[in-house]
Structures are given as structure tokens and as C-alpha cells.
Amino acid sequence: MKPFISLVVLTSGLALISATPVPSDDRMIVHVLNRVAFGPRAGDVDRVKAIGVQRYIDEQLHPERIPDAAMSARLSGLTTLGMSSREIAETYEIPQLQARREKKQEAAQASMSDAAKPPAMPDPLQQKANRVVIELAEQKMLRAVYSDRQLQEVLTDFWFNHFNVDARKGPDRFLLTEYERDVIRPHVLGKFRDLLEATAKSPAMLFYLDNWMSADPNGPHPGTGLGGRARGDLPPPGRGARGRFGVIMPPRPRPSPQGKNAPKGLNENYGRELMELHTLSVDGGYTQKDVTEVARAFTGWTIQNPRLGGGFRFEPRIHDTGEKIVLGHVIKSGGEGDGEQVLDILAKHPSTARFIATKLVRRFVSDTPPPSLVDRAAARFRETDGDLREVTRTILTSPEFFSPEAYRAKVKTPFEFVASALRATGADVQDATPLVRTMQQLGMPLYMCQPPTGYKDTADAWVNTGALVNRMNFSLTLASNKLPGVVVDSLQSQVDSQSFTRAILGDDVSETTRSTVAKATSAPQMAALTLGAPEFQRR
């Protein structure tokens, strides 16, 4: 019998042929479902076996062809998901700011002594405002568990983390809904250059990395039409507030000074992170001079009425119109095109191709990315002008992806662990809010990673005794049907520990795990021990 030859049709009309057969046994199908998806559900292995691994991967690379109507029903109660940033600001942010001003005025006029003041009560407007990020986190979990467009969800998580924005910085929590929905999600399988520009012009990113305040120190320049200066001073952040159902909103990092206290001049935060974290990498060959020149190119990229949920605007009066030299390229246009040219330079730079390829290979294959695969993925990035679908295809159809060394080589992040546990047990999530709280308890609050690096994607960040104990506690709570808002019915009929373990972990289970699960005296205990097993912590 001739070996199976995998054929991937390239956009150039050529074909990339791999002489390595694509395995189709249950073990490898589980591997694929743990990487391309958030783990297998009941029946997934049989379905992939029926259509073939190659076809499954190709389907997932084209989410627009996959019907996903059931997700609309799952998300229907989360009313903020369809709102624009302006609508969110009008409904949640502005009333909260007005109430704070009134409270501050009342406090200044009050004559009561501290001893006579009544105890502070939870702020209902604060709780209402928290709902925006809570609902965003709920939809992220629900999509990971139930969406049939699994690769799209995996990549949305990956690219949001790559272009990280912390919800706790100033008004960013009111901007993230639009950021993930309209900036990240539509571009995860498109051209990298388009994704890069979308993030550069996003109010969420402009505020997070302070570029909305960056101005030519020699400005403003007259005669170009100001049209209203972007302002957005907010009260200083307070202590963490308790949201609905007891979800704690961690204290927000103190935002950069704004309004009358805003720094007058160049801000290099975005220019530095654009090159170090978004494109070239820290070893990508740029200098401090390049950082300054890039920051100059992006002066004037700001936000129209940030406190009203406004969008991107270019303000020529605060733009540095002088000549810039970035990575040896001379930029002379002197307008919004300066930043556009920088994005062109960075998107086409070989260091960007290698950096993006390395991160994707680390996500899908191993904490130690195989150099041979990184080389091919980077080459594909350059050949296709940064076509992320084709770069991802190169990785998911590679011999390295299917190699024995890649099997269970990755440790699940808390998000991946919770999503895969819910999928494995067939859980019915009727209210995802407790799962948002679970993510905080597991050390990975959704949309609240403070540094622009995002959450780490390697085992060292998530493997420690305390973390494993917390995962076991979650497993027991879930399997025992004690997690509010989540129902697990299918476990009650399971009595055979071996068949149950095989259904979730496959046949490749250590004797230690097998004997431990066999000691379970009930279906919930059996499920908890299986979900807490070392094999389930990996993907």
C-alpha cells in the first residue's frame, strides 16, 4: 500500500507535499483535538475519524464555512456583546462617572465626622459597570466550550494575548468588547498586516499603551484644524469592587496622568511594544533610536472623545511632521501615512516572520519550538505576505505537529484546563459567571493580564503545587454538580472506571493514574480523579 501523501494547495497555485502519513488513530485524533480545539467532547473522536484528520483541520481553517448558529442562543443573554464602545460608554461609564462626581461633591459638603459616617455600601453603578467585562469573559468561556469553530476560538485567545490589553486600565474595560469582536476575531486567519493596523488604530490599544496622548513636543502646529482635543481624565482607580454573584474585579493599575496632568510630548510606550512584543521581538535588530523614530511616526494617532467611546482619529496638529528613519528606511510623508509606513516596514521584516512563526509553533507544538518548523513557518509567512491561515496550515500539517515528541508536550493554561474539563464532561453551562470567578481563583483572570506581554504559554508559568491543588478542587466541584450555574448529568450513568477514563484520556494512561481512578467509589469522584490526572493537565 502506498503511503498517504498529504497535499496542501497553496494560494500561489503550487503544492506543498509532505511524505509523512497523517496518523488517524484515536491517540492522534485526541492530540489534534487538544491543539486545534479546546479538547474533545463526546463523539468528537468518532466524527474526526469518519472524515479524516486532514479534512477536519481544513474545515477548522475556514470557520466561515462552519455553521455555528447554536452559539447565538448561548450568548443571547449577554446584552453588552453587541454594543459599540459608544453605547457601552453611554450606558455604563458615563453614569458611573457622574455618580462619582456627585458623591465627591456631597462628601465635600458633608459636616459629619468620620465616626458618624455610615459604613460604605457596595456601589450599584460600579457593579453595573463591572458587567461589561464579566459578560465578555463569559462569552469567551462559552465559545471555547460550545463553538464548532474551535480553531477560531483558539486563535482569538492566542492573538488577544499577543496584542494584550488590560481591562483594569482606565476606560479600557469599556473598550475591550469592541476590541476583541471587531479587531482581533475577524483577522485571526487573515493577513498579519491588517491585524497589526487594526490593533494600532484600536482605542483600546491606543489608551492601554498611552499613544493617544503622544504628541510632537514642538507642537501643536497651527493651520491644520484641531477639531476638538481628545481628553479623557478619569478619577484615580479605587480598590477592587465586588461585582454581581461575588465576582471580584481586581484593583485597576493606576493609569497614566491625563487631562490637565497629561505629559506634554512624545510617549514611546507603543513604539517600543510594537517592535518588541508585536512584531520584531526583543532580539529583532532595532535600537533605542528606532523606538524614538517609531514613536514620532505615531504622534497624532489618538482617540476621538475617549470618554464617549469614540474611535480612532488622526490629529495633525500634534503630529511630528519631520523626517524619520526607521530600521534604515527614510519616512518623509509627514502625516498619518508615517505610521502606515512603519507598519509596512515591520510587517515585512524577516524578524517579524520568525517571531510570529516561533510563537505559533510554541502554541501548537512545543514549549521548545522545533527550529526546522519555525524556519518553514517563517518562510511561509514571507511567501504569502503574512497570510496567517497559510502559516497556521503549515504548522498544523507538519511532521513536527504529529510527531511523538509533540504528544502531551504542552501544559494546559487554566483557561484551557477549565474549557477542556467542561467539554470532556458534557457540562451544561447555564450561567458562566461562576466560571469567571474560577478563572480568578486559578490565577488567570480573563482580560486582566497587566503586562503587555500577555499570559505565558509555557509550563513553567502554570505548574506548581498550589495550582494543581486548585485544579483538583475545581474538578471535584464540577464533577459533584456543586458548581453554581453548571450541570453535569452524563456522569451519573458511568460506573466503569476504565471505560470512563478511556473516554476522556484515551488508552495512553499510566498505571498509576489507572489504579488511582479505579479506587473511586462514585461517578463524581471517578470524574474528579480523571480530570485531575497528570495526563489531563497536558495537551
Protein backbone atom coordinates (compact mmCIF):
# COMPACT_ATOMS: atom_id res chain seq x y z
CA MET A 1 0.00 0.00 0.00
CA LYS A 2 1.36 3.37 -0.95
CA PRO A 3 1.89 5.80 1.92
CA PHE A 4 -0.68 8.52 2.26
CA ILE A 5 0.57 11.74 0.70
CA SER A 6 -0.86 14.91 2.26
CA LEU A 7 -1.46 17.61 -0.31
CA VAL A 8 -1.97 21.23 0.67
CA VAL A 9 -2.97 23.53 -2.17
CA LEU A 10 -1.22 26.88 -1.85
CA THR A 11 -2.60 30.21 -2.98
CA SER A 12 0.24 30.58 -5.45
CA GLY A 13 -1.02 27.52 -7.31
CA LEU A 14 1.85 25.37 -6.11
CA ALA A 15 1.54 22.40 -3.80
CA LEU A 16 3.40 21.57 -0.61
CA ILE A 17 3.72 17.81 -0.34
CA SER A 18 4.56 16.01 2.85
CA ALA A 19 5.70 12.43 2.57
CA THR A 20 4.80 11.84 6.20
CA PRO A 21 1.47 10.00 6.60
CA VAL A 22 -1.06 11.74 8.84
CA PRO A 23 -1.96 9.30 11.64
CA SER A 24 -5.66 8.68 12.17
CA ASP A 25 -5.66 6.52 15.31
CA ASP A 26 -7.60 7.63 18.39
CA ARG A 27 -4.45 8.77 20.18
CA MET A 28 -3.51 11.18 17.41
CA ILE A 29 -7.07 12.39 16.94
CA VAL A 30 -7.19 13.31 20.64
CA HIS A 31 -3.88 15.11 20.12
CA VAL A 32 -5.35 17.12 17.25
CA LEU A 33 -8.47 17.98 19.24
CA ASN A 34 -6.32 19.13 22.16
CA ARG A 35 -4.36 21.51 19.92
CA VAL A 36 -6.76 22.66 17.22
CA ALA A 37 -9.65 22.73 19.70
CA PHE A 38 -10.11 23.03 23.45
CA GLY A 39 -10.15 19.26 23.85
CA PRO A 40 -12.54 16.53 22.72
CA ARG A 41 -16.23 16.29 23.53
CA ALA A 42 -18.23 13.08 23.49
CA GLY A 43 -18.41 11.91 19.89
CA ASP A 44 -15.68 14.20 18.55
CA VAL A 45 -13.11 11.43 18.11
CA ASP A 46 -15.54 9.32 16.07
CA ARG A 47 -16.50 12.30 13.92
CA VAL A 48 -12.91 13.22 13.11
CA LYS A 49 -12.13 9.56 12.41
CA ALA A 50 -15.03 9.43 9.96
CA ILE A 51 -13.99 12.48 7.93
CA GLY A 52 -10.22 12.23 8.44
CA VAL A 53 -7.76 14.42 10.28
CA GLN A 54 -6.79 16.37 7.15
CA ARG A 55 -10.36 17.33 6.37
CA TYR A 56 -11.05 18.30 9.97
CA ILE A 57 -8.05 20.63 10.03
CA ASP A 58 -9.04 22.15 6.70
CA GLU A 59 -12.60 22.74 7.97
CA GLN A 60 -11.27 24.50 11.05
CA LEU A 61 -9.03 26.70 8.90
CA HIS A 62 -12.22 28.00 7.25
CA PRO A 63 -14.55 28.89 10.15
CA GLU A 64 -16.78 30.90 7.81
CA ARG A 65 -17.89 27.57 6.30
CA ILE A 66 -18.86 26.05 9.66
CA PRO A 67 -22.45 26.67 10.84
CA ASP A 68 -22.41 27.86 14.44
CA ALA A 69 -25.95 29.06 14.99
CA ALA A 70 -26.25 27.41 18.40
CA MET A 71 -23.75 29.92 19.81
CA SER A 72 -26.22 32.75 19.26
CA ALA A 73 -28.65 31.12 21.68
CA ARG A 74 -25.88 30.55 24.23
CA LEU A 75 -24.85 34.20 24.08
CA SER A 76 -28.30 35.77 23.76
CA GLY A 77 -28.50 36.88 27.39
CA LEU A 78 -25.18 38.76 27.27
CA THR A 79 -26.54 42.08 26.09
CA THR A 80 -23.27 44.04 26.03
CA LEU A 81 -21.64 41.81 23.41
CA GLY A 82 -23.39 43.52 20.52
CA MET A 83 -22.90 47.06 21.80
CA SER A 84 -20.49 49.57 20.32
CA SER A 85 -17.98 51.25 22.61
CA ARG A 86 -20.07 54.42 22.41
CA GLU A 87 -23.20 52.58 23.53
CA ILE A 88 -21.28 50.94 26.37
CA ALA A 89 -19.90 54.31 27.47
CA GLU A 90 -23.34 55.91 27.45
CA THR A 91 -24.93 53.02 29.35
CA TYR A 92 -22.22 52.14 31.86
CA GLU A 93 -19.24 54.51 32.02
CA ILE A 94 -20.81 57.97 31.91
CA PRO A 95 -23.45 57.30 34.62
CA GLN A 96 -20.70 55.92 36.85
CA LEU A 97 -18.51 59.00 36.35
CA GLN A 98 -21.43 61.33 37.01
CA ALA A 99 -22.31 59.47 40.20
CA ARG A 100 -18.71 59.69 41.39
CA ARG A 101 -18.64 63.44 40.86
CA GLU A 102 -21.89 63.86 42.76
CA LYS A 103 -20.66 61.68 45.60
CA LYS A 104 -17.44 63.66 45.79
CA GLN A 105 -19.38 66.93 45.97
CA GLU A 106 -21.67 65.56 48.65
CA ALA A 107 -18.69 64.35 50.69
CA ALA A 108 -17.07 67.77 50.49
CA GLN A 109 -20.25 69.44 51.75
CA ALA A 110 -20.98 66.93 54.49
CA SER A 111 -20.27 68.04 58.03
CA MET A 112 -20.43 64.62 59.65
CA SER A 113 -17.36 63.40 61.49
CA ASP A 114 -15.64 60.20 60.35
CA ALA A 115 -17.11 58.38 63.33
CA ALA A 116 -20.62 59.36 62.36
CA LYS A 117 -20.34 58.27 58.73
CA PRO A 118 -22.37 55.18 57.81
CA PRO A 119 -20.40 52.17 56.58
CA ALA A 120 -19.65 52.17 52.87
CA MET A 121 -22.14 50.20 50.83
CA PRO A 122 -21.46 48.42 47.53
CA ASP A 123 -21.74 50.85 44.64
CA PRO A 124 -24.56 49.63 42.35
CA LEU A 125 -23.21 51.64 39.42
CA GLN A 126 -19.78 50.10 39.91
CA GLN A 127 -21.37 46.66 39.94
CA LYS A 128 -23.29 47.53 36.78
CA ALA A 129 -20.11 48.75 35.08
CA ASN A 130 -18.31 45.53 36.01
CA ARG A 131 -20.91 43.67 33.97
CA VAL A 132 -19.21 44.67 30.71
CA VAL A 133 -16.00 42.72 31.38
CA ILE A 134 -17.84 39.90 33.16
CA GLU A 135 -20.05 39.31 30.11
CA LEU A 136 -17.02 39.46 27.83
CA ALA A 137 -15.32 36.80 29.97
CA GLU A 138 -18.49 34.69 30.00
CA GLN A 139 -18.68 34.68 26.19
CA LYS A 140 -15.03 33.72 25.93
CA MET A 141 -15.62 30.67 28.09
CA LEU A 142 -18.88 29.74 26.36
CA ARG A 143 -17.33 29.97 22.90
CA ALA A 144 -14.37 27.82 23.98
CA VAL A 145 -16.73 25.13 25.29
CA TYR A 146 -19.52 25.11 22.70
CA SER A 147 -18.46 26.76 19.45
CA ASP A 148 -17.94 24.43 16.49
CA ARG A 149 -15.40 26.94 15.17
CA GLN A 150 -12.83 25.73 17.64
CA LEU A 151 -9.66 26.84 15.86
CA GLN A 152 -11.05 30.34 15.53
CA GLU A 153 -11.54 30.43 19.31
CA VAL A 154 -8.04 29.07 19.96
CA LEU A 155 -6.57 31.71 17.68
CA THR A 156 -8.69 34.52 19.11
CA ASP A 157 -7.28 33.62 22.52
CA PHE A 158 -3.76 33.48 21.07
CA TRP A 159 -3.90 36.79 19.21
CA PHE A 160 -5.64 38.69 22.01
CA ASN A 161 -2.83 37.53 24.26
CA HIS A 162 -0.26 38.60 21.66
CA PHE A 163 -1.83 42.08 21.43
CA ASN A 164 -2.74 42.13 25.11
CA VAL A 165 -4.77 44.94 26.70
CA ASP A 166 -5.56 45.00 30.44
CA ALA A 167 -9.21 45.71 31.25
CA ARG A 168 -8.25 47.37 34.54
CA LYS A 169 -6.51 50.36 32.99
CA GLY A 170 -8.86 53.32 33.00
CA PRO A 171 -11.73 53.05 30.50
CA ASP A 172 -10.23 50.06 28.67
CA ARG A 173 -12.78 47.73 30.22
CA PHE A 174 -15.43 49.61 28.24
CA LEU A 175 -13.38 49.31 25.02
CA LEU A 176 -12.45 45.61 25.08
CA THR A 177 -15.78 44.27 23.80
CA GLU A 178 -15.31 46.08 20.51
CA TYR A 179 -11.56 45.33 20.53
CA GLU A 180 -11.94 41.55 20.60
CA ARG A 181 -15.09 41.46 18.44
CA ASP A 182 -14.08 43.86 15.67
CA VAL A 183 -10.27 44.00 15.83
CA ILE A 184 -8.98 40.56 16.88
CA ARG A 185 -11.55 37.94 15.92
CA PRO A 186 -12.11 38.91 12.24
CA HIS A 187 -8.36 38.91 11.49
CA VAL A 188 -7.03 35.74 13.14
CA LEU A 189 -6.84 33.89 9.80
CA GLY A 190 -6.27 36.92 7.60
CA LYS A 191 -3.20 38.99 6.74
CA PHE A 192 -0.95 39.92 9.65
CA ARG A 193 -0.53 43.45 8.28
CA ASP A 194 -4.30 44.01 8.52
CA LEU A 195 -4.38 42.70 12.10
CA LEU A 196 -1.42 44.91 13.01
CA GLU A 197 -3.10 48.06 11.70
CA ALA A 198 -6.41 47.18 13.31
CA THR A 199 -4.74 46.94 16.72
CA ALA A 200 -2.66 50.09 16.13
CA LYS A 201 -5.83 52.10 15.48
CA SER A 202 -7.90 50.49 18.22
CA PRO A 203 -8.92 52.87 21.01
CA ALA A 204 -8.28 50.03 23.48
CA MET A 205 -4.63 49.73 22.41
CA LEU A 206 -4.17 53.49 21.96
CA PHE A 207 -5.25 54.02 25.55
CA TYR A 208 -3.52 50.99 27.05
CA LEU A 209 -0.08 51.92 25.72
CA ASP A 210 -0.68 55.69 26.03
CA ASN A 211 -0.22 56.53 22.36
CA TRP A 212 -3.42 58.58 22.37
CA MET A 213 -1.51 61.20 24.39
CA SER A 214 1.71 61.11 22.35
CA ALA A 215 2.41 64.46 20.71
CA ASP A 216 5.19 66.33 18.96
CA PRO A 217 6.99 68.26 21.73
CA ASN A 218 7.25 71.19 19.31
CA GLY A 219 3.50 71.27 18.60
CA PRO A 220 0.68 71.95 18.34
CA HIS A 221 1.11 73.01 14.73
CA PRO A 222 -1.27 75.78 13.62
CA GLY A 223 -3.31 75.81 10.47
CA THR A 224 -4.15 72.11 10.36
CA GLY A 225 -7.51 72.18 12.14
CA LEU A 226 -7.79 70.87 15.66
CA GLY A 227 -11.45 69.93 15.65
CA GLY A 228 -11.58 69.20 19.36
CA ARG A 229 -8.73 67.96 21.53
CA ALA A 230 -9.03 64.39 22.78
CA ARG A 231 -9.40 64.42 26.55
CA GLY A 232 -10.31 61.69 28.99
CA ASP A 233 -9.36 62.40 32.58
CA LEU A 234 -10.78 59.83 34.95
CA PRO A 235 -10.81 59.65 38.71
CA PRO A 236 -7.95 57.62 40.19
CA PRO A 237 -8.76 53.92 40.45
CA GLY A 238 -10.02 52.68 43.74
CA ARG A 239 -9.92 49.38 45.46
CA GLY A 240 -11.28 46.24 43.85
CA ALA A 241 -15.06 46.19 43.72
CA ARG A 242 -17.34 43.21 44.13
CA GLY A 243 -19.43 42.58 41.06
CA ARG A 244 -22.56 40.55 40.65
CA PHE A 245 -22.51 36.98 42.03
CA GLY A 246 -19.49 37.90 44.13
CA VAL A 247 -17.02 38.19 41.22
CA ILE A 248 -14.13 40.34 42.39
CA MET A 249 -12.90 42.97 39.96
CA PRO A 250 -9.18 43.25 40.88
CA PRO A 251 -7.85 46.76 41.58
CA ARG A 252 -7.05 48.62 38.41
CA PRO A 253 -3.45 49.66 37.79
CA ARG A 254 -3.09 53.41 38.10
CA PRO A 255 -3.45 54.88 34.60
CA SER A 256 -1.02 57.41 33.23
CA PRO A 257 -1.82 61.04 34.11
CA GLN A 258 -4.44 62.52 31.83
CA GLY A 259 -6.30 65.75 31.25
CA LYS A 260 -4.52 68.79 32.71
CA ASN A 261 -1.83 66.49 34.17
CA ALA A 262 -1.14 64.74 30.88
CA PRO A 263 2.51 64.69 29.79
CA LYS A 264 3.22 67.15 27.01
CA GLY A 265 5.29 65.41 24.39
CA LEU A 266 6.42 62.14 22.96
CA ASN A 267 5.35 58.85 24.52
CA GLU A 268 7.42 55.82 23.47
CA ASN A 269 5.36 53.07 25.11
CA TYR A 270 3.55 51.94 21.97
CA GLY A 271 6.58 52.32 19.71
CA ARG A 272 8.63 50.09 21.99
CA GLU A 273 5.99 47.38 22.47
CA LEU A 274 5.05 47.46 18.78
CA MET A 275 8.56 46.30 17.91
CA GLU A 276 9.43 44.22 20.97
CA LEU A 277 6.14 42.37 21.51
CA HIS A 278 4.00 42.75 18.40
CA THR A 279 6.48 42.34 15.53
CA LEU A 280 10.28 42.10 15.62
CA SER A 281 10.82 40.65 19.13
CA VAL A 282 13.31 41.90 21.69
CA ASP A 283 16.17 40.50 19.59
CA GLY A 284 14.76 41.75 16.30
CA GLY A 285 17.56 44.16 15.47
CA TYR A 286 16.12 47.56 16.42
CA THR A 287 17.75 50.26 18.57
CA GLN A 288 16.55 52.89 21.03
CA LYS A 289 16.81 55.39 18.18
CA ASP A 290 14.34 53.26 16.21
CA VAL A 291 11.95 53.30 19.18
CA THR A 292 12.03 57.10 19.25
CA GLU A 293 11.58 57.38 15.49
CA VAL A 294 8.62 54.99 15.53
CA ALA A 295 7.04 56.95 18.39
CA ARG A 296 7.44 60.14 16.35
CA ALA A 297 5.73 58.46 13.39
CA PHE A 298 2.69 57.62 15.53
CA THR A 299 2.19 61.05 17.09
CA GLY A 300 -1.31 62.25 16.33
CA TRP A 301 -2.78 58.71 16.33
CA THR A 302 -5.33 59.32 19.04
CA ILE A 303 -8.95 58.78 20.14
CA GLN A 304 -11.99 60.87 19.29
CA ASN A 305 -13.74 61.63 22.58
CA PRO A 306 -12.38 58.67 24.59
CA ARG A 307 -14.86 59.18 27.45
CA LEU A 308 -17.70 58.80 24.93
CA GLY A 309 -16.40 55.57 23.43
CA GLY A 310 -15.04 57.34 20.36
CA GLY A 311 -12.98 55.71 17.65
CA PHE A 312 -9.60 56.33 16.07
CA ARG A 313 -8.73 59.77 14.77
CA PHE A 314 -5.59 61.27 13.31
CA GLU A 315 -4.86 64.71 14.78
CA PRO A 316 -2.40 66.54 12.50
CA ARG A 317 -1.80 69.41 14.94
CA ILE A 318 0.10 67.15 17.35
CA HIS A 319 1.86 65.06 14.71
CA ASP A 320 5.62 65.32 14.23
CA THR A 321 5.97 66.19 10.55
CA GLY A 322 9.74 65.84 10.40
CA GLU A 323 11.66 63.16 8.55
CA LYS A 324 12.06 59.82 10.35
CA ILE A 325 14.47 56.94 9.79
CA VAL A 326 13.18 53.54 10.95
CA LEU A 327 15.38 50.47 10.55
CA GLY A 328 17.25 52.27 7.77
CA HIS A 329 14.08 53.31 5.90
CA VAL A 330 13.52 57.05 5.37
CA ILE A 331 9.94 58.25 6.00
CA LYS A 332 9.11 61.67 4.56
CA SER A 333 5.32 61.87 4.17
CA GLY A 334 4.65 63.83 7.35
CA GLY A 335 1.10 62.71 8.09
CA GLU A 336 -0.96 59.69 9.09
CA GLY A 337 0.99 57.81 6.43
CA ASP A 338 4.09 57.92 8.64
CA GLY A 339 2.58 55.32 10.95
CA GLU A 340 1.26 53.34 7.99
CA GLN A 341 4.76 53.14 6.53
CA VAL A 342 6.14 51.92 9.87
CA LEU A 343 3.54 49.13 9.92
CA ASP A 344 4.53 48.17 6.35
CA ILE A 345 8.21 48.04 7.30
CA LEU A 346 7.61 45.95 10.41
CA ALA A 347 5.12 43.55 8.83
CA LYS A 348 7.57 42.70 6.04
CA HIS A 349 10.67 42.44 8.23
CA PRO A 350 12.23 38.94 8.42
CA SER A 351 12.45 39.21 12.23
CA THR A 352 8.66 39.61 12.38
CA ALA A 353 8.14 36.49 10.28
CA ARG A 354 10.41 34.50 12.58
CA PHE A 355 8.92 35.90 15.79
CA ILE A 356 5.31 35.20 14.77
CA ALA A 357 6.24 31.75 13.49
CA THR A 358 8.04 30.94 16.75
CA LYS A 359 5.08 31.97 18.90
CA LEU A 360 2.59 29.99 16.81
CA VAL A 361 4.79 26.89 16.83
CA ARG A 362 5.17 27.24 20.59
CA ARG A 363 1.39 27.44 20.95
CA PHE A 364 0.59 24.45 18.74
CA VAL A 365 3.61 22.15 19.04
CA SER A 366 6.02 22.57 21.94
CA ASP A 367 7.41 24.92 24.57
CA THR A 368 10.70 24.38 22.72
CA PRO A 369 9.72 25.14 19.12
CA PRO A 370 11.48 22.83 16.62
CA PRO A 371 13.80 25.09 14.56
CA SER A 372 13.01 23.27 11.31
CA LEU A 373 9.30 24.02 11.65
CA VAL A 374 9.93 27.62 12.70
CA ASP A 375 12.04 28.05 9.56
CA ARG A 376 9.28 26.70 7.29
CA ALA A 377 6.53 28.68 9.01
CA ALA A 378 8.59 31.88 8.81
CA ALA A 379 9.29 31.22 5.13
CA ARG A 380 5.58 30.70 4.51
CA PHE A 381 4.85 33.98 6.30
CA ARG A 382 7.20 35.81 3.93
CA GLU A 383 5.99 33.97 0.80
CA THR A 384 2.33 34.78 1.45
CA ASP A 385 2.81 38.35 2.68
CA GLY A 386 1.84 37.34 6.20
CA ASP A 387 -1.18 35.14 5.41
CA LEU A 388 -1.95 33.74 8.86
CA ARG A 389 -4.22 31.00 7.52
CA GLU A 390 -1.38 29.58 5.43
CA VAL A 391 1.17 29.93 8.23
CA THR A 392 -1.18 28.11 10.60
CA ARG A 393 -1.82 25.44 7.96
CA THR A 394 1.93 24.90 7.58
CA ILE A 395 2.20 24.21 11.30
CA LEU A 396 -0.91 22.03 11.66
CA THR A 397 0.03 19.78 8.74
CA SER A 398 3.71 19.44 9.63
CA PRO A 399 5.51 16.24 10.64
CA GLU A 400 6.59 18.03 13.84
CA PHE A 401 2.95 18.65 14.82
CA PHE A 402 2.18 14.93 14.50
CA SER A 403 5.44 13.71 15.99
CA PRO A 404 5.52 11.56 19.16
CA GLU A 405 7.55 14.31 20.84
CA ALA A 406 4.65 16.75 20.48
CA TYR A 407 2.11 14.43 22.12
CA ARG A 408 1.11 15.87 25.51
CA ALA A 409 4.13 18.17 25.33
CA LYS A 410 2.13 21.23 26.38
CA VAL A 411 0.69 22.00 29.83
CA LYS A 412 -2.79 23.49 29.69
CA THR A 413 -3.24 27.03 30.90
CA PRO A 414 -6.04 27.43 33.48
CA PHE A 415 -8.35 28.62 30.69
CA GLU A 416 -7.58 25.60 28.55
CA PHE A 417 -7.98 23.29 31.53
CA VAL A 418 -11.41 24.62 32.54
CA ALA A 419 -12.71 24.67 28.96
CA SER A 420 -11.46 21.14 28.25
CA ALA A 421 -12.95 19.82 31.52
CA LEU A 422 -16.35 21.26 30.65
CA ARG A 423 -16.16 19.77 27.17
CA ALA A 424 -14.99 16.36 28.41
CA THR A 425 -17.81 16.05 30.95
CA GLY A 426 -20.53 17.32 28.63
CA ALA A 427 -21.37 20.07 31.10
CA ASP A 428 -24.37 22.31 30.51
CA VAL A 429 -23.28 25.85 31.41
CA GLN A 430 -26.46 27.73 32.28
CA ASP A 431 -24.63 30.63 33.91
CA ALA A 432 -20.96 31.24 33.12
CA THR A 433 -20.39 33.87 35.81
CA PRO A 434 -19.09 31.34 38.39
CA LEU A 435 -16.58 30.20 35.76
CA VAL A 436 -15.28 33.76 35.52
CA ARG A 437 -14.67 33.61 39.27
CA THR A 438 -12.99 30.21 38.83
CA MET A 439 -10.52 31.74 36.39
CA GLN A 440 -9.55 34.29 39.04
CA GLN A 441 -9.07 31.55 41.61
CA LEU A 442 -6.85 29.62 39.20
CA GLY A 443 -4.63 32.66 38.70
CA MET A 444 -5.71 33.66 35.20
CA PRO A 445 -8.43 36.34 35.40
CA LEU A 446 -9.70 36.82 31.86
CA TYR A 447 -8.82 40.14 30.19
CA MET A 448 -6.86 41.20 33.27
CA CYS A 449 -3.24 40.42 32.48
CA GLN A 450 -1.44 43.61 33.47
CA PRO A 451 1.82 43.49 31.45
CA PRO A 452 1.61 43.91 27.66
CA THR A 453 3.38 40.56 27.26
CA GLY A 454 0.12 38.74 27.98
CA TYR A 455 -0.13 35.44 29.84
CA LYS A 456 2.72 32.97 29.37
CA ASP A 457 2.15 29.95 27.16
CA THR A 458 4.76 27.68 28.73
CA ALA A 459 4.61 25.10 31.51
CA ASP A 460 6.79 27.00 33.98
CA ALA A 461 4.06 29.61 34.48
CA TRP A 462 1.36 27.14 35.48
CA VAL A 463 2.98 24.09 37.12
CA ASN A 464 3.23 24.33 40.91
CA THR A 465 1.69 22.51 43.86
CA GLY A 466 -0.86 25.19 44.68
CA ALA A 467 -2.09 25.41 41.11
CA LEU A 468 -2.56 21.64 40.84
CA VAL A 469 -4.48 21.55 44.14
CA ASN A 470 -6.79 24.29 42.84
CA ARG A 471 -7.38 22.34 39.64
CA MET A 472 -8.26 19.22 41.60
CA ASN A 473 -10.68 21.20 43.77
CA PHE A 474 -12.36 22.59 40.66
CA SER A 475 -12.59 19.08 39.18
CA LEU A 476 -14.29 17.74 42.29
CA THR A 477 -16.70 20.68 42.47
CA LEU A 478 -17.60 20.29 38.79
CA ALA A 479 -18.00 16.51 38.89
CA SER A 480 -20.08 16.68 42.07
CA ASN A 481 -22.51 19.13 40.45
CA LYS A 482 -21.68 21.74 43.08
CA LEU A 483 -20.54 24.46 40.69
CA PRO A 484 -23.37 27.04 40.53
CA GLY A 485 -24.81 27.51 37.07
CA VAL A 486 -23.21 24.34 35.66
CA VAL A 487 -24.95 20.97 35.37
CA VAL A 488 -23.21 17.66 34.63
CA ASP A 489 -25.75 14.88 34.10
CA SER A 490 -23.86 12.34 32.00
CA LEU A 491 -21.58 11.24 34.84
CA GLN A 492 -24.34 9.63 36.88
CA SER A 493 -24.61 6.68 34.50
CA GLN A 494 -20.86 5.99 34.49
CA VAL A 495 -19.84 3.05 36.65
CA ASP A 496 -16.90 1.52 34.76
CA SER A 497 -13.76 3.47 35.66
CA GLN A 498 -11.73 2.05 32.79
CA SER A 499 -14.25 2.99 30.10
CA PHE A 500 -14.77 6.42 31.63
CA THR A 501 -11.05 7.13 31.81
CA ARG A 502 -10.58 5.88 28.27
CA ALA A 503 -13.35 8.18 27.02
CA ILE A 504 -11.59 11.26 28.44
CA LEU A 505 -7.89 10.36 28.30
CA GLY A 506 -7.75 7.70 25.61
CA ASP A 507 -5.78 4.48 26.03
CA ASP A 508 -2.44 6.11 26.81
CA VAL A 509 -2.77 6.27 30.59
CA SER A 510 -0.17 5.42 33.20
CA GLU A 511 -0.76 2.53 35.58
CA THR A 512 -0.62 4.99 38.46
CA THR A 513 -3.48 7.02 37.02
CA ARG A 514 -5.46 3.90 36.13
CA SER A 515 -5.16 2.42 39.63
CA THR A 516 -5.93 5.76 41.30
CA VAL A 517 -9.13 6.24 39.29
CA ALA A 518 -10.11 2.60 39.91
CA LYS A 519 -10.30 3.33 43.64
CA ALA A 520 -13.10 5.84 43.13
CA THR A 521 -16.33 4.90 44.91
CA SER A 522 -18.67 7.12 42.92
CA ALA A 523 -19.02 8.56 39.43
CA PRO A 524 -18.24 12.14 40.56
CA GLN A 525 -15.11 11.00 42.37
CA MET A 526 -14.08 9.00 39.32
CA ALA A 527 -14.53 12.05 37.11
CA ALA A 528 -12.65 14.32 39.50
CA LEU A 529 -9.67 11.95 39.67
CA THR A 530 -9.63 11.65 35.89
CA LEU A 531 -9.76 15.42 35.35
CA GLY A 532 -7.09 15.88 37.99
CA ALA A 533 -4.78 13.25 36.48
CA PRO A 534 -1.40 14.38 35.12
CA GLU A 535 -2.45 13.27 31.64
CA PHE A 536 -5.41 15.65 31.61
CA GLN A 537 -3.25 18.61 32.63
CA ARG A 538 -1.43 18.25 29.33
CA ARG A 539 -2.48 18.64 25.76
